[in-house]
C-alpha atoms as a PDB file:
ATOM      1  CA  UNK A   1      73.106  86.540 137.363  1.00  0.00           C
ATOM      2  CA  UNK A   2      76.802  87.367 137.359  1.00  0.00           C
ATOM      3  CA  UNK A   3      79.520  84.896 136.493  1.00  0.00           C
ATOM      4  CA  UNK A   4      82.532  84.784 138.776  1.00  0.00           C
ATOM      5  CA  UNK A   5      85.718  82.780 138.794  1.00  0.00           C
ATOM      6  CA  UNK A   6      86.053  79.282 137.363  1.00  0.00           C
ATOM      7  CA  UNK A   7      88.001  76.292 138.575  1.00  0.00           C
ATOM      8  CA  UNK A   8      88.866  72.970 136.992  1.00  0.00           C
ATOM      9  CA  UNK A   9      87.914  69.573 138.413  1.00  0.00           C
ATOM     10  CA  UNK A  10      89.903  67.089 136.335  1.00  0.00           C
ATOM     11  CA  UNK A  11      88.393  67.452 132.848  1.00  0.00           C
ATOM     12  CA  UNK A  12      85.302  69.156 134.232  1.00  0.00           C
ATOM     13  CA  UNK A  13      85.196  72.924 134.417  1.00  0.00           C
ATOM     14  CA  UNK A  14      82.931  74.207 137.140  1.00  0.00           C
ATOM     15  CA  UNK A  15      81.404  77.646 136.956  1.00  0.00           C
ATOM     16  CA  UNK A  16      80.699  79.618 140.123  1.00  0.00           C
ATOM     17  CA  UNK A  17      77.539  81.607 139.576  1.00  0.00           C
ATOM     18  CA  UNK A  18      76.057  84.051 142.078  1.00  0.00           C
ATOM     19  CA  UNK A  19      72.378  84.911 141.942  1.00  0.00           C
ATOM     20  CA  UNK A  20      72.084  88.697 141.923  1.00  0.00           C
ATOM     21  CA  UNK A  21      68.534  89.974 142.433  1.00  0.00           C
ATOM     22  CA  UNK A  22      67.156  87.704 139.762  1.00  0.00           C
ATOM     23  CA  UNK A  23      64.879  84.679 139.743  1.00  0.00           C
ATOM     24  CA  UNK A  24      66.191  81.857 137.538  1.00  0.00           C
ATOM     25  CA  UNK A  25      63.783  80.297 135.077  1.00  0.00           C
ATOM     26  CA  UNK A  26      65.026  76.843 135.945  1.00  0.00           C
ATOM     27  CA  UNK A  27      66.293  74.958 138.980  1.00  0.00           C
ATOM     28  CA  UNK A  28      69.929  73.949 138.368  1.00  0.00           C
ATOM     29  CA  UNK A  29      71.508  70.842 139.890  1.00  0.00           C
ATOM     30  CA  UNK A  30      72.572  71.774 143.397  1.00  0.00           C
ATOM     31  CA  UNK A  31      76.175  70.644 143.385  1.00  0.00           C
ATOM     32  CA  UNK A  32      77.325  72.791 146.269  1.00  0.00           C
ATOM     33  CA  UNK A  33      75.577  75.784 147.796  1.00  0.00           C
ATOM     34  CA  UNK A  34      77.174  78.472 149.946  1.00  0.00           C
ATOM     35  CA  UNK A  35      74.677  81.248 150.622  1.00  0.00           C
ATOM     36  CA  UNK A  36      73.421  82.187 147.179  1.00  0.00           C
ATOM     37  CA  UNK A  37      76.410  80.664 145.358  1.00  0.00           C
ATOM     38  CA  UNK A  38      76.085  77.479 143.332  1.00  0.00           C
ATOM     39  CA  UNK A  39      78.592  75.292 141.512  1.00  0.00           C
ATOM     40  CA  UNK A  40      77.226  74.202 138.139  1.00  0.00           C
ATOM     41  CA  UNK A  41      78.693  71.812 135.642  1.00  0.00           C
ATOM     42  CA  UNK A  42      78.950  73.699 132.377  1.00  0.00           C
ATOM     43  CA  UNK A  43      76.289  72.611 129.920  1.00  0.00           C
ATOM     44  CA  UNK A  44      72.833  73.399 128.624  1.00  0.00           C
ATOM     45  CA  UNK A  45      70.084  73.305 131.255  1.00  0.00           C
ATOM     46  CA  UNK A  46      66.510  73.693 130.112  1.00  0.00           C
ATOM     47  CA  UNK A  47      63.343  73.889 132.174  1.00  0.00           C
ATOM     48  CA  UNK A  48      61.625  70.502 131.786  1.00  0.00           C
ATOM     49  CA  UNK A  49      58.570  68.788 133.162  1.00  0.00           C
ATOM     50  CA  UNK A  50      59.102  66.442 136.082  1.00  0.00           C
ATOM     51  CA  UNK A  51      57.777  63.399 134.283  1.00  0.00           C
ATOM     52  CA  UNK A  52      58.911  60.058 132.917  1.00  0.00           C
ATOM     53  CA  UNK A  53      60.644  61.500 129.870  1.00  0.00           C
ATOM     54  CA  UNK A  54      62.523  64.208 131.802  1.00  0.00           C
ATOM     55  CA  UNK A  55      63.134  63.126 135.414  1.00  0.00           C
ATOM     56  CA  UNK A  56      64.537  65.682 137.826  1.00  0.00           C
ATOM     57  CA  UNK A  57      68.033  65.233 139.198  1.00  0.00           C
ATOM     58  CA  UNK A  58      68.533  63.912 142.741  1.00  0.00           C
ATOM     59  CA  UNK A  59      72.012  64.258 144.253  1.00  0.00           C
ATOM     60  CA  UNK A  60      73.353  62.838 147.508  1.00  0.00           C
ATOM     61  CA  UNK A  61      74.087  65.448 150.195  1.00  0.00           C
ATOM     62  CA  UNK A  62      71.466  67.753 148.620  1.00  0.00           C
ATOM     63  CA  UNK A  63      67.826  67.199 149.751  1.00  0.00           C
ATOM     64  CA  UNK A  64      65.326  68.159 147.044  1.00  0.00           C
ATOM     65  CA  UNK A  65      61.765  69.432 147.328  1.00  0.00           C
ATOM     66  CA  UNK A  66      59.444  67.447 145.051  1.00  0.00           C
ATOM     67  CA  UNK A  67      56.014  68.476 143.794  1.00  0.00           C
ATOM     68  CA  UNK A  68      53.679  65.958 142.192  1.00  0.00           C
ATOM     69  CA  UNK A  69      52.248  67.875 139.238  1.00  0.00           C
ATOM     70  CA  UNK A  70      52.340  65.586 136.193  1.00  0.00           C
ATOM     71  CA  UNK A  71      49.169  63.754 135.185  1.00  0.00           C
ATOM     72  CA  UNK A  72      50.250  60.284 134.149  1.00  0.00           C
ATOM     73  CA  UNK A  73      48.822  56.938 135.142  1.00  0.00           C
ATOM     74  CA  UNK A  74      51.003  54.032 136.182  1.00  0.00           C
ATOM     75  CA  UNK A  75      50.295  50.589 137.590  1.00  0.00           C
ATOM     76  CA  UNK A  76      53.454  48.843 138.799  1.00  0.00           C
ATOM     77  CA  UNK A  77      54.052  46.847 141.970  1.00  0.00           C
ATOM     78  CA  UNK A  78      52.287  48.750 144.794  1.00  0.00           C
ATOM     79  CA  UNK A  79      51.926  51.847 142.607  1.00  0.00           C
ATOM     80  CA  UNK A  80      48.467  52.433 141.137  1.00  0.00           C
ATOM     81  CA  UNK A  81      48.392  56.170 140.575  1.00  0.00           C
ATOM     82  CA  UNK A  82      47.167  58.975 138.349  1.00  0.00           C
ATOM     83  CA  UNK A  83      49.916  61.558 139.028  1.00  0.00           C
ATOM     84  CA  UNK A  84      53.702  61.178 139.159  1.00  0.00           C
ATOM     85  CA  UNK A  85      56.985  62.749 140.068  1.00  0.00           C
ATOM     86  CA  UNK A  86      60.108  61.023 138.720  1.00  0.00           C
ATOM     87  CA  UNK A  87      63.683  61.621 139.907  1.00  0.00           C
ATOM     88  CA  UNK A  88      66.961  60.217 138.620  1.00  0.00           C
ATOM     89  CA  UNK A  89      70.229  59.443 140.371  1.00  0.00           C
ATOM     90  CA  UNK A  90      73.390  57.588 139.457  1.00  0.00           C
ATOM     91  CA  UNK A  91      75.390  55.000 141.343  1.00  0.00           C
ATOM     92  CA  UNK A  92      79.066  55.633 141.973  1.00  0.00           C
ATOM     93  CA  UNK A  93      82.057  54.131 140.183  1.00  0.00           C
ATOM     94  CA  UNK A  94      83.260  51.999 143.071  1.00  0.00           C
ATOM     95  CA  UNK A  95      83.940  48.702 141.298  1.00  0.00           C
ATOM     96  CA  UNK A  96      85.380  46.864 144.306  1.00  0.00           C
ATOM     97  CA  UNK A  97      82.839  47.783 146.984  1.00  0.00           C
ATOM     98  CA  UNK A  98      79.422  48.535 145.449  1.00  0.00           C
ATOM     99  CA  UNK A  99      76.757  49.628 147.877  1.00  0.00           C
ATOM    100  CA  UNK A 100      73.107  50.487 148.341  1.00  0.00           C
ATOM    101  CA  UNK A 101      71.121  53.692 148.078  1.00  0.00           C
ATOM    102  CA  UNK A 102      68.821  54.903 150.843  1.00  0.00           C
ATOM    103  CA  UNK A 103      66.009  57.330 150.162  1.00  0.00           C
ATOM    104  CA  UNK A 104      63.883  59.202 152.666  1.00  0.00           C
ATOM    105  CA  UNK A 105      60.690  60.957 151.610  1.00  0.00           C
ATOM    106  CA  UNK A 106      59.704  63.288 154.435  1.00  0.00           C
ATOM    107  CA  UNK A 107      57.675  66.416 155.195  1.00  0.00           C
ATOM    108  CA  UNK A 108      54.898  64.996 153.048  1.00  0.00           C
ATOM    109  CA  UNK A 109      52.124  67.541 152.575  1.00  0.00           C
ATOM    110  CA  UNK A 110      49.433  66.112 150.327  1.00  0.00           C
ATOM    111  CA  UNK A 111      46.061  67.103 151.827  1.00  0.00           C
ATOM    112  CA  UNK A 112      43.009  65.406 150.342  1.00  0.00           C
ATOM    113  CA  UNK A 113      39.303  66.010 150.710  1.00  0.00           C
ATOM    114  CA  UNK A 114      38.986  63.470 153.545  1.00  0.00           C
ATOM    115  CA  UNK A 115      42.468  63.757 155.058  1.00  0.00           C
ATOM    116  CA  UNK A 116      46.051  63.264 153.838  1.00  0.00           C
ATOM    117  CA  UNK A 117      46.267  61.458 150.511  1.00  0.00           C
ATOM    118  CA  UNK A 118      48.544  58.440 150.259  1.00  0.00           C
ATOM    119  CA  UNK A 119      51.657  58.403 148.104  1.00  0.00           C
ATOM    120  CA  UNK A 120      53.622  55.398 146.833  1.00  0.00           C
ATOM    121  CA  UNK A 121      57.274  55.130 145.874  1.00  0.00           C
ATOM    122  CA  UNK A 122      59.722  52.645 144.377  1.00  0.00           C
ATOM    123  CA  UNK A 123      63.230  52.723 142.903  1.00  0.00           C
ATOM    124  CA  UNK A 124      63.576  51.165 139.449  1.00  0.00           C
ATOM    125  CA  UNK A 125      66.118  50.448 136.772  1.00  0.00           C
ATOM    126  CA  UNK A 126      64.810  51.289 133.311  1.00  0.00           C
ATOM    127  CA  UNK A 127      65.926  48.566 130.933  1.00  0.00           C
ATOM    128  CA  UNK A 128      64.291  50.202 127.916  1.00  0.00           C
ATOM    129  CA  UNK A 129      65.119  53.780 128.858  1.00  0.00           C
ATOM    130  CA  UNK A 130      61.592  54.714 129.985  1.00  0.00           C
ATOM    131  CA  UNK A 131      61.379  54.671 133.809  1.00  0.00           C
ATOM    132  CA  UNK A 132      57.577  54.455 133.644  1.00  0.00           C
ATOM    133  CA  UNK A 133      57.185  51.552 131.200  1.00  0.00           C
ATOM    134  CA  UNK A 134      55.978  48.591 133.296  1.00  0.00           C
ATOM    135  CA  UNK A 135      57.127  46.209 130.592  1.00  0.00           C
ATOM    136  CA  UNK A 136      60.801  47.168 130.867  1.00  0.00           C
ATOM    137  CA  UNK A 137      61.423  48.590 134.341  1.00  0.00           C
ATOM    138  CA  UNK A 138      62.769  46.430 137.153  1.00  0.00           C
ATOM    139  CA  UNK A 139      62.266  47.363 140.796  1.00  0.00           C
ATOM    140  CA  UNK A 140      65.447  47.469 142.871  1.00  0.00           C
ATOM    141  CA  UNK A 141      63.798  48.431 146.173  1.00  0.00           C
ATOM    142  CA  UNK A 142      60.654  47.530 148.095  1.00  0.00           C
ATOM    143  CA  UNK A 143      57.581  49.445 147.000  1.00  0.00           C
ATOM    144  CA  UNK A 144      56.291  51.550 149.906  1.00  0.00           C
ATOM    145  CA  UNK A 145      53.207  53.664 150.432  1.00  0.00           C
ATOM    146  CA  UNK A 146      51.538  55.777 153.113  1.00  0.00           C
ATOM    147  CA  UNK A 147      50.770  59.301 154.265  1.00  0.00           C
ATOM    148  CA  UNK A 148      53.785  59.799 156.588  1.00  0.00           C
ATOM    149  CA  UNK A 149      57.550  59.531 156.048  1.00  0.00           C
ATOM    150  CA  UNK A 150      58.596  56.804 153.622  1.00  0.00           C
ATOM    151  CA  UNK A 151      62.028  55.128 153.655  1.00  0.00           C
ATOM    152  CA  UNK A 152      63.467  52.942 150.912  1.00  0.00           C
ATOM    153  CA  UNK A 153      66.693  50.980 150.650  1.00  0.00           C
ATOM    154  CA  UNK A 154      67.794  49.500 147.352  1.00  0.00           C
ATOM    155  CA  UNK A 155      69.585  46.277 146.662  1.00  0.00           C
ATOM    156  CA  UNK A 156      73.308  46.440 145.862  1.00  0.00           C
ATOM    157  CA  UNK A 157      73.574  48.805 142.913  1.00  0.00           C
ATOM    158  CA  UNK A 158      75.485  48.232 139.711  1.00  0.00           C
ATOM    159  CA  UNK A 159      78.333  50.716 139.419  1.00  0.00           C
ATOM    160  CA  UNK A 160      77.954  53.829 137.243  1.00  0.00           C
ATOM    161  CA  UNK A 161      74.307  53.105 136.415  1.00  0.00           C
ATOM    162  CA  UNK A 162      71.262  55.380 136.348  1.00  0.00           C
ATOM    163  CA  UNK A 163      68.276  54.616 138.563  1.00  0.00           C
ATOM    164  CA  UNK A 164      64.908  56.312 139.015  1.00  0.00           C
ATOM    165  CA  UNK A 165      62.722  57.063 141.987  1.00  0.00           C
ATOM    166  CA  UNK A 166      59.035  57.039 141.071  1.00  0.00           C
ATOM    167  CA  UNK A 167      56.689  58.839 143.454  1.00  0.00           C
ATOM    168  CA  UNK A 168      52.987  58.621 142.660  1.00  0.00           C
ATOM    169  CA  UNK A 169      49.585  59.475 144.069  1.00  0.00           C
ATOM    170  CA  UNK A 170      45.920  59.683 143.153  1.00  0.00           C
ATOM    171  CA  UNK A 171      45.883  63.184 144.587  1.00  0.00           C
ATOM    172  CA  UNK A 172      44.838  65.804 142.035  1.00  0.00           C
ATOM    173  CA  UNK A 173      47.322  68.702 142.256  1.00  0.00           C
ATOM    174  CA  UNK A 174      44.648  71.040 140.872  1.00  0.00           C
ATOM    175  CA  UNK A 175      42.837  70.679 144.211  1.00  0.00           C
ATOM    176  CA  UNK A 176      45.762  71.320 146.581  1.00  0.00           C
ATOM    177  CA  UNK A 177      49.536  71.209 146.338  1.00  0.00           C
ATOM    178  CA  UNK A 178      51.214  67.841 146.945  1.00  0.00           C
ATOM    179  CA  UNK A 179      54.809  68.376 148.129  1.00  0.00           C
ATOM    180  CA  UNK A 180      57.562  66.535 149.981  1.00  0.00           C
ATOM    181  CA  UNK A 181      61.345  66.491 150.568  1.00  0.00           C
ATOM    182  CA  UNK A 182      63.521  63.688 149.158  1.00  0.00           C
ATOM    183  CA  UNK A 183      66.978  62.800 150.516  1.00  0.00           C
ATOM    184  CA  UNK A 184      69.483  60.389 148.940  1.00  0.00           C
ATOM    185  CA  UNK A 185      72.256  58.687 150.932  1.00  0.00           C
ATOM    186  CA  UNK A 186      74.052  55.343 150.949  1.00  0.00           C
ATOM    187  CA  UNK A 187      77.419  53.805 150.155  1.00  0.00           C
ATOM    188  CA  UNK A 188      76.421  53.184 146.544  1.00  0.00           C
ATOM    189  CA  UNK A 189      75.892  56.847 145.629  1.00  0.00           C
ATOM    190  CA  UNK A 190      78.710  58.724 147.389  1.00  0.00           C
ATOM    191  CA  UNK A 191      82.486  58.906 147.204  1.00  0.00           C
ATOM    192  CA  UNK A 192      84.721  57.656 149.984  1.00  0.00           C
ATOM    193  CA  UNK A 193      87.847  59.360 151.351  1.00  0.00           C
ATOM    194  CA  UNK A 194      90.281  57.092 153.147  1.00  0.00           C
ATOM    195  CA  UNK A 195      91.388  57.132 155.820  1.00  0.00           C
ATOM    196  CA  UNK A 196      91.334  58.943 159.166  1.00  0.00           C
ATOM    197  CA  UNK A 197      94.857  58.390 160.488  1.00  0.00           C
ATOM    198  CA  UNK A 198      97.098  59.172 163.456  1.00  0.00           C
ATOM    199  CA  UNK A 199     100.644  60.201 162.519  1.00  0.00           C
ATOM    200  CA  UNK A 200     103.845  60.972 164.317  1.00  0.00           C
ATOM    201  CA  UNK A 201     105.247  64.425 163.473  1.00  0.00           C
ATOM    202  CA  UNK A 202     107.089  64.367 160.146  1.00  0.00           C
ATOM    203  CA  UNK A 203     105.384  61.195 158.886  1.00  0.00           C
ATOM    204  CA  UNK A 204     103.557  60.885 155.560  1.00  0.00           C
ATOM    205  CA  UNK A 205     100.429  59.027 154.555  1.00  0.00           C
ATOM    206  CA  UNK A 206      98.741  58.289 151.254  1.00  0.00           C
ATOM    207  CA  UNK A 207      95.107  59.333 151.015  1.00  0.00           C
ATOM    208  CA  UNK A 208      92.662  57.725 148.610  1.00  0.00           C
ATOM    209  CA  UNK A 209      89.345  58.751 147.065  1.00  0.00           C
ATOM    210  CA  UNK A 210      87.084  56.169 145.436  1.00  0.00           C
ATOM    211  CA  UNK A 211      83.659  56.138 143.838  1.00  0.00           C
ATOM    212  CA  UNK A 212      83.890  59.274 141.694  1.00  0.00           C
ATOM    213  CA  UNK A 213      83.884  59.371 137.924  1.00  0.00           C
ATOM    214  CA  UNK A 214      87.543  58.739 136.986  1.00  0.00           C
ATOM    215  CA  UNK A 215      87.228  60.944 133.892  1.00  0.00           C
ATOM    216  CA  UNK A 216      86.593  64.044 136.006  1.00  0.00           C
ATOM    217  CA  UNK A 217      88.945  63.122 138.837  1.00  0.00           C
ATOM    218  CA  UNK A 218      89.107  64.710 142.291  1.00  0.00           C
ATOM    219  CA  UNK A 219      90.073  67.934 144.035  1.00  0.00           C
ATOM    220  CA  UNK A 220      91.393  67.903 147.627  1.00  0.00           C
ATOM    221  CA  UNK A 221      91.209  71.030 149.761  1.00  0.00           C
ATOM    222  CA  UNK A 222      92.973  72.668 151.375  1.00  0.00           C
ATOM    223  CA  UNK A 223      96.008  71.773 149.304  1.00  0.00           C
ATOM    224  CA  UNK A 224      98.372  72.189 152.253  1.00  0.00           C
ATOM    225  CA  UNK A 225     101.008  69.444 152.644  1.00  0.00           C
ATOM    226  CA  UNK A 226      99.671  67.493 149.605  1.00  0.00           C
ATOM    227  CA  UNK A 227     101.974  66.456 146.777  1.00  0.00           C
ATOM    228  CA  UNK A 228      99.150  66.208 144.192  1.00  0.00           C
ATOM    229  CA  UNK A 229      95.860  67.799 145.311  1.00  0.00           C
ATOM    230  CA  UNK A 230      94.089  66.688 142.098  1.00  0.00           C
ATOM    231  CA  UNK A 231      95.116  63.043 142.398  1.00  0.00           C
ATOM    232  CA  UNK A 232      92.920  60.195 143.612  1.00  0.00           C
ATOM    233  CA  UNK A 233      95.821  59.125 145.831  1.00  0.00           C
ATOM    234  CA  UNK A 234      97.758  62.174 147.065  1.00  0.00           C
ATOM    235  CA  UNK A 235     100.430  61.929 149.740  1.00  0.00           C
ATOM    236  CA  UNK A 236     100.165  64.230 152.754  1.00  0.00           C
ATOM    237  CA  UNK A 237     102.975  65.164 155.122  1.00  0.00           C
ATOM    238  CA  UNK A 238     101.118  67.365 157.596  1.00  0.00           C
ATOM    239  CA  UNK A 239     102.848  69.504 160.185  1.00  0.00           C
ATOM    240  CA  UNK A 240      99.757  69.546 162.382  1.00  0.00           C
ATOM    241  CA  UNK A 241      96.333  67.931 162.628  1.00  0.00           C
ATOM    242  CA  UNK A 242      94.348  68.730 159.482  1.00  0.00           C
ATOM    243  CA  UNK A 243      91.051  67.795 157.823  1.00  0.00           C
ATOM    244  CA  UNK A 244      90.719  67.503 154.052  1.00  0.00           C
ATOM    245  CA  UNK A 245      87.595  67.640 151.890  1.00  0.00           C
ATOM    246  CA  UNK A 246      87.709  65.837 148.562  1.00  0.00           C
ATOM    247  CA  UNK A 247      85.285  66.717 145.754  1.00  0.00           C
ATOM    248  CA  UNK A 248      84.361  64.323 142.982  1.00  0.00           C
ATOM    249  CA  UNK A 249      81.630  63.789 140.406  1.00  0.00           C
ATOM    250  CA  UNK A 250      78.955  61.103 140.157  1.00  0.00           C
ATOM    251  CA  UNK A 251      76.759  61.522 137.098  1.00  0.00           C
ATOM    252  CA  UNK A 252      75.650  65.162 137.094  1.00  0.00           C
ATOM    253  CA  UNK A 253      76.299  65.623 140.809  1.00  0.00           C
ATOM    254  CA  UNK A 254      79.288  66.973 142.678  1.00  0.00           C
ATOM    255  CA  UNK A 255      79.840  64.970 145.854  1.00  0.00           C
ATOM    256  CA  UNK A 256      82.345  65.223 148.668  1.00  0.00           C
ATOM    257  CA  UNK A 257      83.791  63.403 151.640  1.00  0.00           C
ATOM    258  CA  UNK A 258      86.221  64.316 154.415  1.00  0.00           C
ATOM    259  CA  UNK A 259      89.209  62.768 156.135  1.00  0.00           C
ATOM    260  CA  UNK A 260      91.169  63.884 159.209  1.00  0.00           C
ATOM    261  CA  UNK A 261      94.864  63.345 159.877  1.00  0.00           C
ATOM    262  CA  UNK A 262      95.785  63.640 163.553  1.00  0.00           C
ATOM    263  CA  UNK A 263      99.406  64.560 164.165  1.00  0.00           C
ATOM    264  CA  UNK A 264     100.826  63.646 167.553  1.00  0.00           C
ATOM    265  CA  UNK A 265      99.197  61.841 170.440  1.00  0.00           C
ATOM    266  CA  UNK A 266      95.647  60.639 169.809  1.00  0.00           C
ATOM    267  CA  UNK A 267      94.890  60.494 173.541  1.00  0.00           C
ATOM    268  CA  UNK A 268      94.082  63.263 176.036  1.00  0.00           C
ATOM    269  CA  UNK A 269      95.692  62.755 179.433  1.00  0.00           C
ATOM    270  CA  UNK A 270      94.422  64.879 182.357  1.00  0.00           C
ATOM    271  CA  UNK A 271      97.039  66.069 184.820  1.00  0.00           C
ATOM    272  CA  UNK A 272      94.870  65.719 187.939  1.00  0.00           C
ATOM    273  CA  UNK A 273      91.791  64.009 189.391  1.00  0.00           C
ATOM    274  CA  UNK A 274      89.992  63.902 192.732  1.00  0.00           C
ATOM    275  CA  UNK A 275      89.304  60.343 193.944  1.00  0.00           C
ATOM    276  CA  UNK A 276      87.394  61.373 197.087  1.00  0.00           C
ATOM    277  CA  UNK A 277      84.254  59.308 196.483  1.00  0.00           C
ATOM    278  CA  UNK A 278      81.911  62.204 195.656  1.00  0.00           C
ATOM    279  CA  UNK A 279      81.174  60.797 192.177  1.00  0.00           C
ATOM    280  CA  UNK A 280      82.830  63.751 190.441  1.00  0.00           C
ATOM    281  CA  UNK A 281      86.205  63.275 188.722  1.00  0.00           C
ATOM    282  CA  UNK A 282      86.904  60.207 190.852  1.00  0.00           C
ATOM    283  CA  UNK A 283      88.710  58.373 188.041  1.00  0.00           C
ATOM    284  CA  UNK A 284      91.721  59.209 185.884  1.00  0.00           C
ATOM    285  CA  UNK A 285      89.806  59.260 182.613  1.00  0.00           C
ATOM    286  CA  UNK A 286      92.070  59.304 179.542  1.00  0.00           C
ATOM    287  CA  UNK A 287      90.296  60.478 176.399  1.00  0.00           C
ATOM    288  CA  UNK A 288      90.650  58.231 173.330  1.00  0.00           C
ATOM    289  CA  UNK A 289      92.542  55.460 175.092  1.00  0.00           C
ATOM    290  CA  UNK A 290      89.749  52.909 174.599  1.00  0.00           C
ATOM    291  CA  UNK A 291      90.796  52.574 170.936  1.00  0.00           C
ATOM    292  CA  UNK A 292      94.066  50.888 172.008  1.00  0.00           C
ATOM    293  CA  UNK A 293      93.336  47.527 173.570  1.00  0.00           C
ATOM    294  CA  UNK A 294      97.051  46.685 174.061  1.00  0.00           C
ATOM    295  CA  UNK A 295      97.957  49.962 175.749  1.00  0.00           C
ATOM    296  CA  UNK A 296     100.311  49.638 178.708  1.00  0.00           C
ATOM    297  CA  UNK A 297      99.907  52.166 181.542  1.00  0.00           C
ATOM    298  CA  UNK A 298     102.259  52.500 184.527  1.00  0.00           C
ATOM    299  CA  UNK A 299     102.023  54.887 187.510  1.00  0.00           C
ATOM    300  CA  UNK A 300     105.108  55.735 189.582  1.00  0.00           C
ATOM    301  CA  UNK A 301     105.567  57.496 192.903  1.00  0.00           C
ATOM    302  CA  UNK A 302     108.203  60.188 193.377  1.00  0.00           C
ATOM    303  CA  UNK A 303     110.832  57.562 194.218  1.00  0.00           C
ATOM    304  CA  UNK A 304     110.261  55.776 190.903  1.00  0.00           C
ATOM    305  CA  UNK A 305     108.404  52.803 192.363  1.00  0.00           C
ATOM    306  CA  UNK A 306     105.471  51.420 190.314  1.00  0.00           C
ATOM    307  CA  UNK A 307     102.274  51.835 192.339  1.00  0.00           C
ATOM    308  CA  UNK A 308      99.749  50.847 189.635  1.00  0.00           C
ATOM    309  CA  UNK A 309      99.865  49.256 186.185  1.00  0.00           C
ATOM    310  CA  UNK A 310      97.545  47.845 183.559  1.00  0.00           C
ATOM    311  CA  UNK A 311      97.493  46.333 180.082  1.00  0.00           C
ATOM    312  CA  UNK A 312      94.493  47.813 178.367  1.00  0.00           C
ATOM    313  CA  UNK A 313      92.570  50.541 180.140  1.00  0.00           C
ATOM    314  CA  UNK A 314      89.159  48.968 180.608  1.00  0.00           C
ATOM    315  CA  UNK A 315      89.043  50.117 184.238  1.00  0.00           C
ATOM    316  CA  UNK A 316      90.343  53.651 184.773  1.00  0.00           C
ATOM    317  CA  UNK A 317      92.748  54.234 187.651  1.00  0.00           C
ATOM    318  CA  UNK A 318      90.945  55.249 190.851  1.00  0.00           C
ATOM    319  CA  UNK A 319      93.943  56.546 192.804  1.00  0.00           C
ATOM    320  CA  UNK A 320      94.608  53.262 194.605  1.00  0.00           C
ATOM    321  CA  UNK A 321      97.525  50.863 194.669  1.00  0.00           C
ATOM    322  CA  UNK A 322      97.501  47.207 195.713  1.00  0.00           C
ATOM    323  CA  UNK A 323      97.728  48.315 199.333  1.00  0.00           C
ATOM    324  CA  UNK A 324      94.922  50.884 199.342  1.00  0.00           C
ATOM    325  CA  UNK A 325      94.346  54.596 198.726  1.00  0.00           C
ATOM    326  CA  UNK A 326      97.391  56.552 197.680  1.00  0.00           C
ATOM    327  CA  UNK A 327      98.023  59.845 199.464  1.00  0.00           C
ATOM    328  CA  UNK A 328      97.522  63.264 197.909  1.00  0.00           C
ATOM    329  CA  UNK A 329     100.507  64.180 195.798  1.00  0.00           C
ATOM    330  CA  UNK A 330     102.112  64.124 192.384  1.00  0.00           C
ATOM    331  CA  UNK A 331     102.659  60.852 190.535  1.00  0.00           C
ATOM    332  CA  UNK A 332     104.274  60.071 187.208  1.00  0.00           C
ATOM    333  CA  UNK A 333     103.010  57.977 184.341  1.00  0.00           C
ATOM    334  CA  UNK A 334     104.213  56.226 181.219  1.00  0.00           C
ATOM    335  CA  UNK A 335     101.788  55.203 178.479  1.00  0.00           C
ATOM    336  CA  UNK A 336     102.707  52.893 175.571  1.00  0.00           C
ATOM    337  CA  UNK A 337      99.947  52.589 172.972  1.00  0.00           C
ATOM    338  CA  UNK A 338     101.467  49.452 171.392  1.00  0.00           C
ATOM    339  CA  UNK A 339      99.760  50.058 168.048  1.00  0.00           C
ATOM    340  CA  UNK A 340     101.682  48.570 165.109  1.00  0.00           C
ATOM    341  CA  UNK A 341     100.210  51.125 162.708  1.00  0.00           C
ATOM    342  CA  UNK A 342     100.994  54.119 164.922  1.00  0.00           C
ATOM    343  CA  UNK A 343     104.658  54.293 165.782  1.00  0.00           C
ATOM    344  CA  UNK A 344     104.403  56.899 168.533  1.00  0.00           C
ATOM    345  CA  UNK A 345     106.992  56.999 171.302  1.00  0.00           C
ATOM    346  CA  UNK A 346     106.110  56.262 174.906  1.00  0.00           C
ATOM    347  CA  UNK A 347     104.179  59.150 176.449  1.00  0.00           C
ATOM    348  CA  UNK A 348     105.289  60.322 179.900  1.00  0.00           C
ATOM    349  CA  UNK A 349     104.069  63.005 182.266  1.00  0.00           C
ATOM    350  CA  UNK A 350     102.662  63.655 185.708  1.00  0.00           C
ATOM    351  CA  UNK A 351      99.267  63.417 187.351  1.00  0.00           C
ATOM    352  CA  UNK A 352      98.217  64.894 190.695  1.00  0.00           C
ATOM    353  CA  UNK A 353      95.895  63.164 193.154  1.00  0.00           C
ATOM    354  CA  UNK A 354      93.775  65.719 194.995  1.00  0.00           C
ATOM    355  CA  UNK A 355      91.588  64.505 197.847  1.00  0.00           C
END
């Protein structure tokens, strides 16, 4: 493999490594993959058995293939097995809003002599350090079992704490391979970027990332219009609508989230419609306007007389006034969003009725 450029994430240096016609002797933590390029936290990685003493790493946003290969008996809760696969994950550092973890075990392929063999799974907290010691482990999720997809949801997790997923079976891997895919999601194991916002041109907003390890910090990209792209709370003054991705670290995993800043009008106003009763484009449908329940809409004729008005836009305008159908022609509108957090000026323009 060939080492390329490095970049710094707070106090954590990340190495970009590209696999070049070589097969690695170990499976590194998949922090971010782009083609054959991986981001790895610098450190010593050694090939280890997937057992209770050396669980494999499970990161959010990175589904992992699991193979049950270790011969080890365990009786705990609904688990009564002879072979195990153990995975570890860490909760985030969100002190104010802790959350749950959700795990999905899918694509289970564990064929037995008389049909698919059953597997069982549970998430535990290892009080004594050994995730397979029934005397010290505490379950933090329901124990589930079956031959098809299995879904688990934990209780509210303690922040910055390691947990283990135990997957077990009585299937002998020497007979046939027993494999599956494991996915980790949930508010308790990811970072959160706040918040999607609408801005008037020239306005600024403070972004915020939470949940990542504060020692390693965050990196926002692209860095355009940001005062401090490595801060947890940078200020953006965007010239146009832009989406940011923020990277952080939870345990041994790199995680990310995204936020979008919309500059200008958050609604899409069509300039014509055809209220002729054919069921196609009969209404003046304004995209995004449903988010503003105090919006005020007025329609004027060419002499400046109001022919239709509404507060809120629950029922879209159908080309009628109080006296009946309005004739084909050009009309003018004013739209006030009346949103205290979005100080946009009144929007004006024209709309044509075509019959």
